C-alpha atoms as a PDB file:
ATOM      1  CA  UNK A   1     -33.131  29.015  28.127  1.00  0.00           C
ATOM      2  CA  UNK A   2     -36.000  26.269  28.386  1.00  0.00           C
ATOM      3  CA  UNK A   3     -36.094  22.818  30.012  1.00  0.00           C
ATOM      4  CA  UNK A   4     -36.808  21.447  26.411  1.00  0.00           C
ATOM      5  CA  UNK A   5     -33.962  19.593  24.682  1.00  0.00           C
ATOM      6  CA  UNK A   6     -33.857  18.308  21.517  1.00  0.00           C
ATOM      7  CA  UNK A   7     -33.200  15.091  20.498  1.00  0.00           C
ATOM      8  CA  UNK A   8     -29.510  14.524  20.409  1.00  0.00           C
ATOM      9  CA  UNK A   9     -30.726  11.021  18.181  1.00  0.00           C
ATOM     10  CA  UNK A  10     -31.948  14.040  16.049  1.00  0.00           C
ATOM     11  CA  UNK A  11     -29.264  16.051  15.665  1.00  0.00           C
ATOM     12  CA  UNK A  12     -27.495  16.181  12.168  1.00  0.00           C
ATOM     13  CA  UNK A  13     -24.574  14.452  11.061  1.00  0.00           C
ATOM     14  CA  UNK A  14     -21.968  17.788  11.392  1.00  0.00           C
ATOM     15  CA  UNK A  15     -23.870  18.516  14.364  1.00  0.00           C
ATOM     16  CA  UNK A  16     -22.738  15.100  16.372  1.00  0.00           C
ATOM     17  CA  UNK A  17     -19.565  15.191  14.942  1.00  0.00           C
ATOM     18  CA  UNK A  18     -18.802  19.129  15.902  1.00  0.00           C
ATOM     19  CA  UNK A  19     -19.536  17.202  19.333  1.00  0.00           C
ATOM     20  CA  UNK A  20     -17.378  14.237  19.084  1.00  0.00           C
ATOM     21  CA  UNK A  21     -14.577  17.224  18.863  1.00  0.00           C
ATOM     22  CA  UNK A  22     -15.339  19.098  22.118  1.00  0.00           C
ATOM     23  CA  UNK A  23     -15.601  15.765  23.500  1.00  0.00           C
ATOM     24  CA  UNK A  24     -19.385  15.342  24.615  1.00  0.00           C
ATOM     25  CA  UNK A  25     -19.838  11.361  25.493  1.00  0.00           C
ATOM     26  CA  UNK A  26     -23.450  11.244  25.010  1.00  0.00           C
ATOM     27  CA  UNK A  27     -22.784  12.890  21.037  1.00  0.00           C
ATOM     28  CA  UNK A  28     -20.233  10.795  20.635  1.00  0.00           C
ATOM     29  CA  UNK A  29     -22.277   7.816  21.340  1.00  0.00           C
ATOM     30  CA  UNK A  30     -24.969   8.760  18.693  1.00  0.00           C
ATOM     31  CA  UNK A  31     -22.057   9.066  16.073  1.00  0.00           C
ATOM     32  CA  UNK A  32     -20.671   5.830  16.589  1.00  0.00           C
ATOM     33  CA  UNK A  33     -24.046   4.386  16.835  1.00  0.00           C
ATOM     34  CA  UNK A  34     -25.008   6.629  13.762  1.00  0.00           C
ATOM     35  CA  UNK A  35     -22.420   5.126  11.691  1.00  0.00           C
ATOM     36  CA  UNK A  36     -20.950   1.895  13.000  1.00  0.00           C
ATOM     37  CA  UNK A  37     -22.969  -0.705  10.848  1.00  0.00           C
ATOM     38  CA  UNK A  38     -21.494   1.684   7.563  1.00  0.00           C
ATOM     39  CA  UNK A  39     -18.097   1.784   8.759  1.00  0.00           C
ATOM     40  CA  UNK A  40     -17.891  -1.758   9.608  1.00  0.00           C
ATOM     41  CA  UNK A  41     -19.711  -2.927   6.007  1.00  0.00           C
ATOM     42  CA  UNK A  42     -17.353  -1.042   4.226  1.00  0.00           C
ATOM     43  CA  UNK A  43     -14.019  -1.947   6.468  1.00  0.00           C
ATOM     44  CA  UNK A  44     -15.685  -5.873   6.014  1.00  0.00           C
ATOM     45  CA  UNK A  45     -16.019  -5.349   2.395  1.00  0.00           C
ATOM     46  CA  UNK A  46     -12.792  -4.720   1.793  1.00  0.00           C
ATOM     47  CA  UNK A  47     -10.900  -6.735   4.324  1.00  0.00           C
ATOM     48  CA  UNK A  48     -12.820  -9.983   4.410  1.00  0.00           C
ATOM     49  CA  UNK A  49     -12.092 -10.520   7.517  1.00  0.00           C
ATOM     50  CA  UNK A  50     -14.583 -10.017  10.762  1.00  0.00           C
ATOM     51  CA  UNK A  51     -11.945  -9.272  12.934  1.00  0.00           C
ATOM     52  CA  UNK A  52      -9.357  -6.698  10.967  1.00  0.00           C
ATOM     53  CA  UNK A  53     -12.682  -4.916  10.384  1.00  0.00           C
ATOM     54  CA  UNK A  54     -13.600  -4.681  13.963  1.00  0.00           C
ATOM     55  CA  UNK A  55      -9.798  -2.938  14.082  1.00  0.00           C
ATOM     56  CA  UNK A  56     -10.551  -1.180  11.250  1.00  0.00           C
ATOM     57  CA  UNK A  57     -13.434   0.567  12.527  1.00  0.00           C
ATOM     58  CA  UNK A  58     -12.737   1.192  15.787  1.00  0.00           C
ATOM     59  CA  UNK A  59      -8.935   2.663  14.357  1.00  0.00           C
ATOM     60  CA  UNK A  60     -12.372   4.811  12.215  1.00  0.00           C
ATOM     61  CA  UNK A  61     -13.873   6.405  14.609  1.00  0.00           C
ATOM     62  CA  UNK A  62     -10.352   7.195  16.533  1.00  0.00           C
ATOM     63  CA  UNK A  63      -9.422   9.401  13.518  1.00  0.00           C
ATOM     64  CA  UNK A  64     -12.699  10.782  12.990  1.00  0.00           C
ATOM     65  CA  UNK A  65     -12.850  12.157  16.715  1.00  0.00           C
ATOM     66  CA  UNK A  66      -9.012  13.310  16.336  1.00  0.00           C
ATOM     67  CA  UNK A  67      -9.712  15.264  13.040  1.00  0.00           C
ATOM     68  CA  UNK A  68     -13.570  15.978  13.601  1.00  0.00           C
ATOM     69  CA  UNK A  69     -11.796  19.808  13.873  1.00  0.00           C
ATOM     70  CA  UNK A  70     -10.774  19.857  10.184  1.00  0.00           C
ATOM     71  CA  UNK A  71     -13.829  18.266   9.139  1.00  0.00           C
ATOM     72  CA  UNK A  72     -15.088  20.849   5.864  1.00  0.00           C
ATOM     73  CA  UNK A  73     -19.040  20.181   4.646  1.00  0.00           C
ATOM     74  CA  UNK A  74     -17.789  21.880   1.127  1.00  0.00           C
ATOM     75  CA  UNK A  75     -16.098  18.461   0.385  1.00  0.00           C
ATOM     76  CA  UNK A  76     -18.631  16.227   0.645  1.00  0.00           C
ATOM     77  CA  UNK A  77     -20.424  14.919   3.597  1.00  0.00           C
ATOM     78  CA  UNK A  78     -19.845  13.583   7.000  1.00  0.00           C
ATOM     79  CA  UNK A  79     -21.187  10.153   5.858  1.00  0.00           C
ATOM     80  CA  UNK A  80     -18.570  10.342   3.253  1.00  0.00           C
ATOM     81  CA  UNK A  81     -16.052  11.781   4.819  1.00  0.00           C
ATOM     82  CA  UNK A  82     -16.135   9.151   7.290  1.00  0.00           C
ATOM     83  CA  UNK A  83     -16.168   6.510   5.396  1.00  0.00           C
ATOM     84  CA  UNK A  84     -13.515   7.393   2.595  1.00  0.00           C
ATOM     85  CA  UNK A  85     -11.758   7.042   6.415  1.00  0.00           C
ATOM     86  CA  UNK A  86     -12.784   3.554   7.087  1.00  0.00           C
ATOM     87  CA  UNK A  87     -11.593   2.651   3.030  1.00  0.00           C
ATOM     88  CA  UNK A  88      -8.032   4.340   3.785  1.00  0.00           C
ATOM     89  CA  UNK A  89      -7.677   2.552   6.810  1.00  0.00           C
ATOM     90  CA  UNK A  90      -8.647  -1.153   5.572  1.00  0.00           C
ATOM     91  CA  UNK A  91      -6.298  -0.950   2.402  1.00  0.00           C
ATOM     92  CA  UNK A  92      -4.055   0.007   4.565  1.00  0.00           C
ATOM     93  CA  UNK A  93      -4.429  -2.797   6.770  1.00  0.00           C
ATOM     94  CA  UNK A  94      -5.028  -5.560   4.167  1.00  0.00           C
ATOM     95  CA  UNK A  95      -1.335  -4.233   2.898  1.00  0.00           C
ATOM     96  CA  UNK A  96      -0.153  -4.347   6.120  1.00  0.00           C
ATOM     97  CA  UNK A  97      -0.804  -8.037   6.094  1.00  0.00           C
ATOM     98  CA  UNK A  98       0.587  -9.125   2.570  1.00  0.00           C
ATOM     99  CA  UNK A  99       4.135 -10.832   3.208  1.00  0.00           C
ATOM    100  CA  UNK A 100       7.477  -8.841   2.856  1.00  0.00           C
ATOM    101  CA  UNK A 101       8.548  -8.479  -0.633  1.00  0.00           C
ATOM    102  CA  UNK A 102      11.896 -10.094  -1.627  1.00  0.00           C
ATOM    103  CA  UNK A 103      14.567  -7.023  -2.124  1.00  0.00           C
ATOM    104  CA  UNK A 104      15.019  -6.207  -5.858  1.00  0.00           C
ATOM    105  CA  UNK A 105      18.597  -7.232  -5.331  1.00  0.00           C
ATOM    106  CA  UNK A 106      17.974 -10.351  -4.173  1.00  0.00           C
ATOM    107  CA  UNK A 107      16.458 -11.144  -7.102  1.00  0.00           C
ATOM    108  CA  UNK A 108      19.206 -12.273  -9.046  1.00  0.00           C
ATOM    109  CA  UNK A 109      19.247 -15.286  -6.173  1.00  0.00           C
ATOM    110  CA  UNK A 110      16.217 -16.241  -6.429  1.00  0.00           C
ATOM    111  CA  UNK A 111      15.864 -16.385 -10.641  1.00  0.00           C
ATOM    112  CA  UNK A 112      18.932 -18.608  -9.930  1.00  0.00           C
ATOM    113  CA  UNK A 113      16.789 -21.425  -8.430  1.00  0.00           C
ATOM    114  CA  UNK A 114      14.406 -21.496 -11.208  1.00  0.00           C
ATOM    115  CA  UNK A 115      16.060 -23.491 -13.421  1.00  0.00           C
ATOM    116  CA  UNK A 116      15.449 -27.196 -14.221  1.00  0.00           C
ATOM    117  CA  UNK A 117      17.158 -29.840 -11.855  1.00  0.00           C
ATOM    118  CA  UNK A 118      15.885 -33.237 -11.993  1.00  0.00           C
ATOM    119  CA  UNK A 119      14.982 -32.636  -7.982  1.00  0.00           C
ATOM    120  CA  UNK A 120      11.993 -29.538  -9.289  1.00  0.00           C
ATOM    121  CA  UNK A 121      11.022 -31.774 -12.193  1.00  0.00           C
ATOM    122  CA  UNK A 122      10.475 -34.213  -9.198  1.00  0.00           C
ATOM    123  CA  UNK A 123       8.045 -32.461  -7.055  1.00  0.00           C
ATOM    124  CA  UNK A 124       6.801 -29.901  -9.023  1.00  0.00           C
ATOM    125  CA  UNK A 125       3.835 -31.062 -11.800  1.00  0.00           C
ATOM    126  CA  UNK A 126       3.903 -30.207 -15.350  1.00  0.00           C
ATOM    127  CA  UNK A 127       2.401 -26.800 -15.415  1.00  0.00           C
ATOM    128  CA  UNK A 128       4.679 -25.568 -12.468  1.00  0.00           C
ATOM    129  CA  UNK A 129       7.679 -27.103 -14.402  1.00  0.00           C
ATOM    130  CA  UNK A 130       6.456 -25.825 -17.273  1.00  0.00           C
ATOM    131  CA  UNK A 131       6.158 -21.300 -15.984  1.00  0.00           C
ATOM    132  CA  UNK A 132       9.122 -21.838 -14.217  1.00  0.00           C
ATOM    133  CA  UNK A 133      11.511 -22.964 -17.093  1.00  0.00           C
ATOM    134  CA  UNK A 134       9.951 -20.439 -19.415  1.00  0.00           C
ATOM    135  CA  UNK A 135      10.352 -17.948 -16.758  1.00  0.00           C
ATOM    136  CA  UNK A 136      14.353 -18.998 -16.669  1.00  0.00           C
ATOM    137  CA  UNK A 137      14.297 -18.524 -20.322  1.00  0.00           C
ATOM    138  CA  UNK A 138      13.436 -14.844 -20.120  1.00  0.00           C
ATOM    139  CA  UNK A 139      15.595 -11.919 -20.769  1.00  0.00           C
ATOM    140  CA  UNK A 140      16.909 -11.229 -17.065  1.00  0.00           C
ATOM    141  CA  UNK A 141      15.603  -8.053 -16.691  1.00  0.00           C
ATOM    142  CA  UNK A 142      11.861  -9.205 -18.092  1.00  0.00           C
ATOM    143  CA  UNK A 143      12.370 -12.348 -15.744  1.00  0.00           C
ATOM    144  CA  UNK A 144      12.987  -9.842 -12.947  1.00  0.00           C
ATOM    145  CA  UNK A 145      10.137  -6.878 -13.565  1.00  0.00           C
ATOM    146  CA  UNK A 146       7.629 -10.320 -14.241  1.00  0.00           C
ATOM    147  CA  UNK A 147       8.288 -11.203 -10.475  1.00  0.00           C
ATOM    148  CA  UNK A 148       8.242  -7.893  -9.142  1.00  0.00           C
ATOM    149  CA  UNK A 149       4.836  -7.109 -10.435  1.00  0.00           C
ATOM    150  CA  UNK A 150       3.674 -10.931 -10.990  1.00  0.00           C
ATOM    151  CA  UNK A 151       4.829 -12.364  -7.580  1.00  0.00           C
ATOM    152  CA  UNK A 152       5.104  -9.711  -5.208  1.00  0.00           C
ATOM    153  CA  UNK A 153       2.781  -7.413  -6.506  1.00  0.00           C
ATOM    154  CA  UNK A 154       5.168  -4.492  -7.303  1.00  0.00           C
ATOM    155  CA  UNK A 155       3.311  -1.611  -9.647  1.00  0.00           C
ATOM    156  CA  UNK A 156       5.001  -0.432 -12.419  1.00  0.00           C
ATOM    157  CA  UNK A 157       6.004   2.503 -10.570  1.00  0.00           C
ATOM    158  CA  UNK A 158       7.218   0.360  -8.052  1.00  0.00           C
ATOM    159  CA  UNK A 159       9.107  -1.861 -10.467  1.00  0.00           C
ATOM    160  CA  UNK A 160      10.471   1.580 -11.928  1.00  0.00           C
ATOM    161  CA  UNK A 161      11.936   3.014  -8.851  1.00  0.00           C
ATOM    162  CA  UNK A 162      13.682  -0.649  -7.297  1.00  0.00           C
ATOM    163  CA  UNK A 163      15.150  -1.087 -11.085  1.00  0.00           C
ATOM    164  CA  UNK A 164      15.937   2.806 -11.613  1.00  0.00           C
ATOM    165  CA  UNK A 165      14.303   2.923 -14.940  1.00  0.00           C
ATOM    166  CA  UNK A 166      11.521   4.390 -16.493  1.00  0.00           C
ATOM    167  CA  UNK A 167       8.072   3.647 -16.231  1.00  0.00           C
ATOM    168  CA  UNK A 168       7.417   2.769 -19.748  1.00  0.00           C
ATOM    169  CA  UNK A 169      10.252   0.826 -20.060  1.00  0.00           C
ATOM    170  CA  UNK A 170       9.116  -0.944 -16.383  1.00  0.00           C
ATOM    171  CA  UNK A 171       5.765  -1.195 -18.372  1.00  0.00           C
ATOM    172  CA  UNK A 172       7.428  -2.425 -21.621  1.00  0.00           C
ATOM    173  CA  UNK A 173       9.467  -5.346 -19.459  1.00  0.00           C
ATOM    174  CA  UNK A 174       6.469  -6.097 -17.695  1.00  0.00           C
ATOM    175  CA  UNK A 175       4.154  -6.616 -20.513  1.00  0.00           C
ATOM    176  CA  UNK A 176       7.115  -8.685 -22.961  1.00  0.00           C
ATOM    177  CA  UNK A 177       7.411 -11.226 -20.282  1.00  0.00           C
ATOM    178  CA  UNK A 178       3.632 -11.885 -19.485  1.00  0.00           C
ATOM    179  CA  UNK A 179       3.421 -11.737 -24.252  1.00  0.00           C
ATOM    180  CA  UNK A 180       6.473 -14.796 -23.854  1.00  0.00           C
ATOM    181  CA  UNK A 181       4.923 -16.213 -21.144  1.00  0.00           C
ATOM    182  CA  UNK A 182       1.482 -16.781 -22.698  1.00  0.00           C
ATOM    183  CA  UNK A 183       3.156 -17.357 -26.578  1.00  0.00           C
ATOM    184  CA  UNK A 184       4.938 -20.524 -24.796  1.00  0.00           C
ATOM    185  CA  UNK A 185       2.682 -21.676 -22.395  1.00  0.00           C
ATOM    186  CA  UNK A 186      -0.321 -22.043 -24.829  1.00  0.00           C
ATOM    187  CA  UNK A 187       2.151 -23.461 -27.475  1.00  0.00           C
ATOM    188  CA  UNK A 188       2.429 -27.405 -27.341  1.00  0.00           C
ATOM    189  CA  UNK A 189       5.425 -28.948 -24.929  1.00  0.00           C
ATOM    190  CA  UNK A 190       8.141 -29.177 -27.196  1.00  0.00           C
ATOM    191  CA  UNK A 191      11.068 -27.413 -25.559  1.00  0.00           C
ATOM    192  CA  UNK A 192       9.782 -23.736 -27.626  1.00  0.00           C
ATOM    193  CA  UNK A 193      12.108 -21.489 -25.821  1.00  0.00           C
ATOM    194  CA  UNK A 194      11.182 -18.314 -25.502  1.00  0.00           C
ATOM    195  CA  UNK A 195      12.120 -15.511 -27.706  1.00  0.00           C
END
């Protein structure tokens, strides 16, 4: 071999990834420098939080290092592979920061607190009182589905699984509850009841 060396910064992405997989520190540094802004940008776009985005970026490069040997260029470029890892990790990080939803079996007790008491009326403004009253008038199964989806962020599939009902039924309950609330809240206030 001659003493000439190919500039590391000009190596193709796949070569840098291979170097990362073998533990070559110089190639690993070049790999991170090449992609750090893009990975951080994806993480920041998803999380909206600089510190969390930095954590996600670090996790992305750690995962790339651990899984570099399974990268398949036929499925996409190194850039696409890496930004997909960053995107998925960022979504997981955002989801992990959400508060835990109430267990579906505890919803009946929670729905019982959504009533029109003098204390509630005094503490809440007119709009929130009307909303609580409208939710309290919904059929129990629709109110539960609405609360799971609207307040606790569950998908229709998660509602279906929690309630042990078909997906279509969960969607219908959520849609019907939303329609009834929309009708009730858009009507002039005169004690209108949800049908």
